[in-house]
C-alpha atoms as a PDB file:
ATOM      1  CA  UNK A   1      15.041  -0.105 -12.354  1.00  0.00           C
ATOM      2  CA  UNK A   2      13.484   2.148  -9.666  1.00  0.00           C
ATOM      3  CA  UNK A   3      14.013   1.139  -5.989  1.00  0.00           C
ATOM      4  CA  UNK A   4      12.076   1.629  -3.187  1.00  0.00           C
ATOM      5  CA  UNK A   5      13.193   4.369  -0.982  1.00  0.00           C
ATOM      6  CA  UNK A   6      14.618   3.058   2.413  1.00  0.00           C
ATOM      7  CA  UNK A   7      11.759   5.317   4.157  1.00  0.00           C
ATOM      8  CA  UNK A   8       9.274   4.043   2.442  1.00  0.00           C
ATOM      9  CA  UNK A   9      10.425   0.682   2.901  1.00  0.00           C
ATOM     10  CA  UNK A  10      10.767   1.454   6.594  1.00  0.00           C
ATOM     11  CA  UNK A  11       6.943   3.119   6.909  1.00  0.00           C
ATOM     12  CA  UNK A  12       5.456  -0.524   5.283  1.00  0.00           C
ATOM     13  CA  UNK A  13       6.831  -2.487   8.287  1.00  0.00           C
ATOM     14  CA  UNK A  14       3.789  -2.183  11.099  1.00  0.00           C
ATOM     15  CA  UNK A  15       2.841  -3.626  14.288  1.00  0.00           C
ATOM     16  CA  UNK A  16       0.077  -5.980  12.594  1.00  0.00           C
ATOM     17  CA  UNK A  17       1.942  -8.567  10.477  1.00  0.00           C
ATOM     18  CA  UNK A  18      -0.850  -8.588   7.885  1.00  0.00           C
ATOM     19  CA  UNK A  19      -0.381  -4.955   7.082  1.00  0.00           C
ATOM     20  CA  UNK A  20       3.471  -5.944   6.644  1.00  0.00           C
ATOM     21  CA  UNK A  21       2.837  -9.039   4.518  1.00  0.00           C
ATOM     22  CA  UNK A  22       0.411  -7.068   2.275  1.00  0.00           C
ATOM     23  CA  UNK A  23       2.502  -3.237   2.252  1.00  0.00           C
ATOM     24  CA  UNK A  24       5.294  -5.185   1.470  1.00  0.00           C
ATOM     25  CA  UNK A  25       4.651  -7.437  -1.145  1.00  0.00           C
ATOM     26  CA  UNK A  26       2.795  -4.333  -2.798  1.00  0.00           C
ATOM     27  CA  UNK A  27       5.674  -2.758  -2.631  1.00  0.00           C
ATOM     28  CA  UNK A  28       7.948  -4.919  -3.845  1.00  0.00           C
ATOM     29  CA  UNK A  29       5.259  -6.072  -7.027  1.00  0.00           C
ATOM     30  CA  UNK A  30       4.027  -2.563  -8.495  1.00  0.00           C
ATOM     31  CA  UNK A  31       6.669  -0.108  -7.164  1.00  0.00           C
ATOM     32  CA  UNK A  32       8.004   0.828 -10.464  1.00  0.00           C
ATOM     33  CA  UNK A  33       4.419   0.374 -12.398  1.00  0.00           C
ATOM     34  CA  UNK A  34       3.718   2.957 -10.173  1.00  0.00           C
ATOM     35  CA  UNK A  35       3.172   7.055 -11.558  1.00  0.00           C
ATOM     36  CA  UNK A  36       3.852  10.274  -8.841  1.00  0.00           C
ATOM     37  CA  UNK A  37       0.542  10.211  -8.106  1.00  0.00           C
ATOM     38  CA  UNK A  38       0.042   7.265  -6.519  1.00  0.00           C
ATOM     39  CA  UNK A  39       3.391   7.202  -5.404  1.00  0.00           C
ATOM     40  CA  UNK A  40       2.261   9.862  -3.245  1.00  0.00           C
ATOM     41  CA  UNK A  41      -0.766   8.354  -2.553  1.00  0.00           C
ATOM     42  CA  UNK A  42       1.021   5.123  -1.040  1.00  0.00           C
ATOM     43  CA  UNK A  43       3.058   7.998   1.201  1.00  0.00           C
ATOM     44  CA  UNK A  44       0.030   9.636   2.408  1.00  0.00           C
ATOM     45  CA  UNK A  45      -1.589   5.737   2.750  1.00  0.00           C
ATOM     46  CA  UNK A  46       1.748   5.450   5.208  1.00  0.00           C
ATOM     47  CA  UNK A  47       1.012   7.702   7.358  1.00  0.00           C
ATOM     48  CA  UNK A  48      -2.304   6.353   8.578  1.00  0.00           C
ATOM     49  CA  UNK A  49      -2.905   4.294  11.110  1.00  0.00           C
ATOM     50  CA  UNK A  50      -2.382  -0.052  11.620  1.00  0.00           C
ATOM     51  CA  UNK A  51      -5.940   0.609  12.658  1.00  0.00           C
ATOM     52  CA  UNK A  52      -7.392   2.617   9.290  1.00  0.00           C
ATOM     53  CA  UNK A  53      -4.821   0.224   6.736  1.00  0.00           C
ATOM     54  CA  UNK A  54      -6.503  -2.822   8.567  1.00  0.00           C
ATOM     55  CA  UNK A  55     -10.542  -1.374   7.519  1.00  0.00           C
ATOM     56  CA  UNK A  56      -9.022  -0.243   4.357  1.00  0.00           C
ATOM     57  CA  UNK A  57      -6.805  -3.391   3.085  1.00  0.00           C
ATOM     58  CA  UNK A  58      -7.695  -6.294   5.156  1.00  0.00           C
ATOM     59  CA  UNK A  59     -11.790  -5.853   5.671  1.00  0.00           C
ATOM     60  CA  UNK A  60     -12.868  -3.586   2.739  1.00  0.00           C
ATOM     61  CA  UNK A  61     -14.177  -0.599   3.866  1.00  0.00           C
ATOM     62  CA  UNK A  62     -14.337   2.886   1.856  1.00  0.00           C
ATOM     63  CA  UNK A  63     -10.911   4.589   1.799  1.00  0.00           C
ATOM     64  CA  UNK A  64     -10.711   8.275   2.084  1.00  0.00           C
ATOM     65  CA  UNK A  65     -10.754  10.210  -0.573  1.00  0.00           C
ATOM     66  CA  UNK A  66      -6.858  11.196  -0.705  1.00  0.00           C
ATOM     67  CA  UNK A  67      -5.866   7.066  -0.528  1.00  0.00           C
ATOM     68  CA  UNK A  68      -8.833   6.303  -2.448  1.00  0.00           C
ATOM     69  CA  UNK A  69      -6.814   5.580  -5.914  1.00  0.00           C
ATOM     70  CA  UNK A  70      -3.979   3.305  -4.288  1.00  0.00           C
ATOM     71  CA  UNK A  71      -5.823   1.289  -2.110  1.00  0.00           C
ATOM     72  CA  UNK A  72      -8.216   0.349  -5.447  1.00  0.00           C
ATOM     73  CA  UNK A  73      -4.960  -0.295  -6.861  1.00  0.00           C
ATOM     74  CA  UNK A  74      -3.466  -2.582  -3.801  1.00  0.00           C
ATOM     75  CA  UNK A  75      -6.720  -4.452  -3.307  1.00  0.00           C
ATOM     76  CA  UNK A  76      -6.710  -4.923  -6.944  1.00  0.00           C
ATOM     77  CA  UNK A  77      -3.049  -6.590  -6.996  1.00  0.00           C
ATOM     78  CA  UNK A  78      -4.010  -8.835  -3.641  1.00  0.00           C
ATOM     79  CA  UNK A  79      -6.936 -10.281  -5.996  1.00  0.00           C
ATOM     80  CA  UNK A  80      -4.450 -11.085  -8.978  1.00  0.00           C
ATOM     81  CA  UNK A  81      -1.480 -11.596  -7.719  1.00  0.00           C
ATOM     82  CA  UNK A  82       1.242 -12.170 -11.101  1.00  0.00           C
ATOM     83  CA  UNK A  83       2.038 -15.437 -12.242  1.00  0.00           C
END
């Protein structure tokens, strides 16, 4: 069982509670199932500003190409929580 790297876990802590919840829940529930490409996109995503993350993850705006796949995966996961 692969554990979430501490640095990545720390980067999930944002200045907005909504983003904290979205990011931490996704990482907790899906980290192990992500392939290396999606893990790399997640790391790029976490380097973006809170405002940009809010637009992509909360407002549903189109994500940049370099993080498009992970944003899409996060939206799908948010709409279909595990039972």
